[in-house]
Amino acid sequence: MKYKRILLKLSGESLMGNVSYGIDPERLKQYAEEIKAIKDLGVEVAIVIGGGNIYRGVQAEAAGIERVQGDYMGMLATVINGMALQSALESAGMYTRLMSGIKMEQVCEPFIRRRAIRHLEKGRIVIFGAGIGNPYFTTDSTASLRAIEIQADVVLKGTRVDGVYTADPEKDPTATRYSELSFQEAYEKNLNIMDMTAFTLCQENNLPIIVFDMNKTGNLMEVLKGETAGTLIN
């Protein structure tokens, strides 16, 4: 395996699968199987998942809810997704820990860096919920920060497309995929890979990012073997 310890970033929307809202059990099962395949080969796995299938902080203002309150609501949505993913992973025979940036001891552990690393060393999958515990930070920023804190080798950003393109491939049929990019090139081309805070964190800490299609069976394994299943930014 090319990477020993990874941080897998999943969007909340990806959990919707074929349903219009919430969580698709078939998508959960598929993700659990993909993650188990790499776990069985000894890869240490940490996961950050968004909450957009349930609630997005950016919806708040339209509903008359202040931004900070909306962001906290979005953080709680990520914990719900984390609990669902935890259950799916455990049903597939894996050991997991859900750690939260906001204390809620009845359902998950508080995030403590050394404890998270110890869980990974013991072969447990660690899911980070509730963002970093503060408003104004996205789950992309959470993924970057937690990856740096646990000394992950790479951030794997699972999306609906198989990498970074010159334009939106869902809108522009002439768009072509980059196999590799530098952080500087991504800046200059104004490619929307992650929000700027998350992206800068990775750049300053020499943490590579791979953008790939998580919904295609076998892609996660291909990425970890170093095969070209996405776009590498380093």
Protein backbone atom coordinates (compact mmCIF):
# COMPACT_ATOMS: atom_id res chain seq x y z
CA MET A 1 0.00 0.00 0.00
CA LYS A 2 1.24 3.47 -0.88
CA TYR A 3 -0.30 5.07 2.23
CA LYS A 4 -0.29 3.69 5.78
CA ARG A 5 -2.60 6.19 7.52
CA ILE A 6 -5.30 8.07 5.64
CA LEU A 7 -7.97 10.68 6.29
CA LEU A 8 -11.03 9.97 4.16
CA LYS A 9 -13.30 12.98 3.60
CA LEU A 10 -16.87 12.17 2.56
CA SER A 11 -19.65 14.64 1.80
CA GLY A 12 -22.96 14.35 3.58
CA GLU A 13 -24.73 14.56 0.21
CA SER A 14 -22.96 11.38 -0.92
CA LEU A 15 -24.85 9.43 1.77
CA MET A 16 -28.16 10.28 0.08
CA GLY A 17 -27.37 7.83 -2.70
CA ASN A 18 -30.61 7.27 -4.57
CA VAL A 19 -32.87 8.95 -2.02
CA SER A 20 -33.75 12.66 -2.05
CA TYR A 21 -33.01 13.35 1.62
CA GLY A 22 -31.26 11.71 4.55
CA ILE A 23 -29.30 8.46 4.37
CA ASP A 24 -29.48 5.68 1.78
CA PRO A 25 -28.78 2.34 3.53
CA GLU A 26 -27.40 0.85 0.31
CA ARG A 27 -24.83 3.65 -0.01
CA LEU A 28 -23.84 3.18 3.63
CA LYS A 29 -23.34 -0.53 3.04
CA GLN A 30 -21.25 0.12 -0.08
CA TYR A 31 -18.99 2.56 1.77
CA ALA A 32 -18.54 0.09 4.64
CA GLU A 33 -17.47 -2.64 2.20
CA GLU A 34 -15.01 -0.31 0.43
CA ILE A 35 -13.47 0.77 3.73
CA LYS A 36 -13.29 -2.80 5.05
CA ALA A 37 -11.34 -3.89 1.96
CA ILE A 38 -8.54 -1.42 2.68
CA LYS A 39 -8.73 -1.93 6.46
CA ASP A 40 -8.12 -5.67 5.98
CA LEU A 41 -4.82 -4.79 4.28
CA GLY A 42 -3.59 -2.90 7.35
CA VAL A 43 -4.38 0.69 6.39
CA GLU A 44 -5.18 2.98 9.34
CA VAL A 45 -8.40 4.87 8.53
CA ALA A 46 -9.80 8.12 9.90
CA ILE A 47 -12.96 9.65 8.44
CA VAL A 48 -14.56 13.09 8.34
CA ILE A 49 -18.09 13.29 6.96
CA GLY A 50 -20.20 16.34 6.13
CA GLY A 51 -23.82 16.95 7.09
CA GLY A 52 -25.30 18.42 3.91
CA ASN A 53 -27.81 15.57 3.48
CA ILE A 54 -29.48 16.69 6.73
CA TYR A 55 -28.62 20.36 7.24
CA ARG A 56 -26.17 22.90 5.89
CA GLY A 57 -25.08 25.95 7.88
CA VAL A 58 -25.38 28.09 4.74
CA GLN A 59 -29.14 27.38 4.72
CA ALA A 60 -29.47 29.18 8.03
CA GLU A 61 -29.64 32.78 6.86
CA ALA A 62 -32.38 32.03 4.35
CA ALA A 63 -34.41 30.57 7.21
CA GLY A 64 -33.79 33.58 9.44
CA ILE A 65 -31.31 31.72 11.63
CA GLU A 66 -28.05 33.48 12.42
CA ARG A 67 -24.88 32.04 10.84
CA VAL A 68 -23.26 30.80 14.05
CA GLN A 69 -26.40 28.97 15.17
CA GLY A 70 -26.76 27.44 11.70
CA ASP A 71 -23.16 26.24 11.73
CA TYR A 72 -23.71 24.48 15.06
CA MET A 73 -26.83 22.84 13.63
CA GLY A 74 -24.73 21.63 10.69
CA MET A 75 -22.14 20.22 13.10
CA LEU A 76 -24.82 18.17 14.86
CA ALA A 77 -25.88 16.81 11.46
CA THR A 78 -22.34 15.47 10.93
CA VAL A 79 -22.61 13.56 14.22
CA ILE A 80 -25.82 11.89 13.01
CA ASN A 81 -24.03 10.83 9.82
CA GLY A 82 -21.02 9.70 11.85
CA MET A 83 -23.25 7.49 14.02
CA ALA A 84 -24.88 5.97 10.92
CA LEU A 85 -21.50 5.27 9.32
CA GLN A 86 -20.20 3.86 12.60
CA SER A 87 -23.09 1.40 12.74
CA ALA A 88 -22.53 0.33 9.12
CA LEU A 89 -18.80 -0.23 9.71
CA GLU A 90 -19.43 -2.23 12.88
CA SER A 91 -22.06 -4.35 11.10
CA ALA A 92 -19.31 -5.19 8.59
CA GLY A 93 -17.08 -6.39 11.45
CA MET A 94 -14.84 -3.38 12.11
CA TYR A 95 -13.98 -1.67 15.38
CA THR A 96 -14.72 2.06 15.43
CA ARG A 97 -14.63 5.16 17.57
CA LEU A 98 -16.70 8.30 16.97
CA MET A 99 -14.98 11.43 18.30
CA SER A 100 -16.69 14.81 18.47
CA GLY A 101 -15.46 18.40 18.45
CA ILE A 102 -18.45 19.19 20.71
CA LYS A 103 -18.82 17.25 23.96
CA MET A 104 -21.72 14.79 23.95
CA GLU A 105 -20.46 11.92 26.08
CA GLN A 106 -23.58 9.78 25.77
CA VAL A 107 -23.01 9.16 22.06
CA CYS A 108 -19.31 9.75 21.33
CA GLU A 109 -15.91 10.54 22.79
CA PRO A 110 -14.55 14.09 22.89
CA PHE A 111 -11.74 14.65 20.41
CA ILE A 112 -8.37 14.16 22.13
CA ARG A 113 -5.48 13.99 19.68
CA ARG A 114 -3.36 11.40 21.47
CA ARG A 115 -6.37 9.17 22.06
CA ALA A 116 -7.32 9.37 18.38
CA ILE A 117 -3.82 8.31 17.35
CA ARG A 118 -3.88 5.44 19.86
CA HIS A 119 -7.22 4.21 18.45
CA LEU A 120 -5.68 4.18 14.96
CA GLU A 121 -2.61 2.30 16.18
CA LYS A 122 -4.91 -0.31 17.73
CA GLY A 123 -6.63 -0.83 14.39
CA ARG A 124 -9.84 1.07 15.09
CA ILE A 125 -11.47 3.30 12.51
CA VAL A 126 -11.85 6.82 13.89
CA ILE A 127 -14.73 9.02 12.71
CA PHE A 128 -14.45 12.73 13.51
CA GLY A 129 -17.83 14.43 13.98
CA ALA A 130 -19.03 17.97 14.80
CA GLY A 131 -16.31 19.67 12.77
CA ILE A 132 -13.60 21.28 14.87
CA GLY A 133 -16.22 22.46 17.35
CA ASN A 134 -16.28 26.05 16.08
CA PRO A 135 -18.51 27.90 13.60
CA TYR A 136 -17.20 29.37 10.32
CA PHE A 137 -15.12 26.27 9.55
CA THR A 138 -16.21 23.72 6.96
CA THR A 139 -15.84 19.95 7.15
CA ASP A 140 -13.10 20.32 4.51
CA SER A 141 -11.17 22.41 7.04
CA THR A 142 -11.90 19.77 9.67
CA ALA A 143 -10.51 17.07 7.39
CA SER A 144 -7.31 19.01 6.75
CA LEU A 145 -6.76 19.89 10.40
CA ARG A 146 -7.51 16.41 11.78
CA ALA A 147 -5.30 14.82 9.10
CA ILE A 148 -2.39 17.03 10.18
CA GLU A 149 -3.05 16.36 13.86
CA ILE A 150 -3.05 12.56 13.47
CA GLN A 151 -0.09 12.70 11.05
CA ALA A 152 -1.99 11.13 8.15
CA ASP A 153 -0.10 10.47 4.93
CA VAL A 154 -2.82 11.86 2.67
CA VAL A 155 -6.32 13.39 2.55
CA LEU A 156 -8.62 11.41 0.27
CA LYS A 157 -11.56 13.55 -0.82
CA GLY A 158 -14.33 11.29 -2.07
CA THR A 159 -16.69 13.04 -4.49
CA ARG A 160 -19.17 12.24 -7.28
CA VAL A 161 -16.57 12.84 -10.02
CA ASP A 162 -13.31 11.02 -10.68
CA GLY A 163 -10.95 13.92 -10.03
CA VAL A 164 -10.34 17.60 -10.72
CA TYR A 165 -11.30 18.88 -14.18
CA THR A 166 -10.55 21.99 -16.23
CA ALA A 167 -14.27 22.82 -15.86
CA ASP A 168 -17.35 21.24 -14.31
CA PRO A 169 -17.63 17.90 -16.20
CA GLU A 170 -21.37 17.72 -15.41
CA LYS A 171 -21.89 20.99 -17.34
CA ASP A 172 -19.02 21.07 -19.86
CA PRO A 173 -18.51 17.91 -21.99
CA THR A 174 -15.12 19.21 -23.23
CA ALA A 175 -13.67 19.34 -19.68
CA THR A 176 -10.53 17.23 -19.18
CA ARG A 177 -9.23 15.66 -15.97
CA TYR A 178 -5.92 16.51 -14.35
CA SER A 179 -3.97 13.47 -13.15
CA GLU A 180 -1.70 15.63 -10.99
CA LEU A 181 -1.49 19.27 -9.90
CA SER A 182 0.67 21.35 -7.61
CA PHE A 183 -1.00 23.46 -4.94
CA GLN A 184 0.25 26.54 -6.77
CA GLU A 185 -1.31 25.45 -10.06
CA ALA A 186 -4.62 24.81 -8.33
CA TYR A 187 -4.50 28.33 -6.84
CA GLU A 188 -3.62 29.97 -10.15
CA LYS A 189 -6.31 28.09 -12.09
CA ASN A 190 -8.84 28.91 -9.35
CA LEU A 191 -9.92 25.28 -9.13
CA ASN A 192 -12.61 24.71 -6.54
CA ILE A 193 -11.15 21.67 -4.75
CA MET A 194 -11.58 22.63 -1.10
CA ASP A 195 -12.26 25.91 0.65
CA MET A 196 -9.21 28.15 0.96
CA THR A 197 -8.64 27.50 4.68
CA ALA A 198 -8.55 23.73 4.17
CA PHE A 199 -6.40 24.00 1.07
CA THR A 200 -3.85 26.32 2.70
CA LEU A 201 -3.55 24.03 5.73
CA CYS A 202 -2.62 21.13 3.45
CA GLN A 203 -0.18 23.21 1.42
CA GLU A 204 1.64 24.62 4.45
CA ASN A 205 1.99 21.17 6.01
CA ASN A 206 2.98 19.33 2.81
CA LEU A 207 -0.08 17.11 3.05
CA PRO A 208 -1.14 15.73 -0.35
CA ILE A 209 -4.81 15.61 -1.39
CA ILE A 210 -6.34 13.07 -3.76
CA VAL A 211 -9.76 13.84 -5.26
CA PHE A 212 -11.52 10.71 -6.53
CA ASP A 213 -14.93 9.14 -7.18
CA MET A 214 -15.91 7.30 -3.98
CA ASN A 215 -19.13 5.99 -5.52
CA LYS A 216 -17.36 3.76 -8.04
CA THR A 217 -16.68 0.33 -6.56
CA GLY A 218 -12.99 -0.41 -6.11
CA ASN A 219 -11.78 3.18 -6.55
CA LEU A 220 -10.71 3.60 -2.92
CA MET A 221 -8.50 0.52 -3.20
CA GLU A 222 -7.00 1.76 -6.48
CA VAL A 223 -6.10 5.11 -4.92
CA LEU A 224 -4.32 3.42 -2.02
CA LYS A 225 -2.35 1.23 -4.39
CA GLY A 226 -1.11 4.37 -6.13
CA GLU A 227 -3.06 3.73 -9.30
CA THR A 228 -4.53 6.68 -11.22
CA ALA A 229 -8.09 6.74 -9.93
CA GLY A 230 -8.27 10.49 -9.30
CA THR A 231 -6.29 13.73 -9.17
CA LEU A 232 -3.28 14.14 -6.89
CA ILE A 233 -2.57 17.63 -5.53
CA ASN A 234 0.84 17.97 -3.85
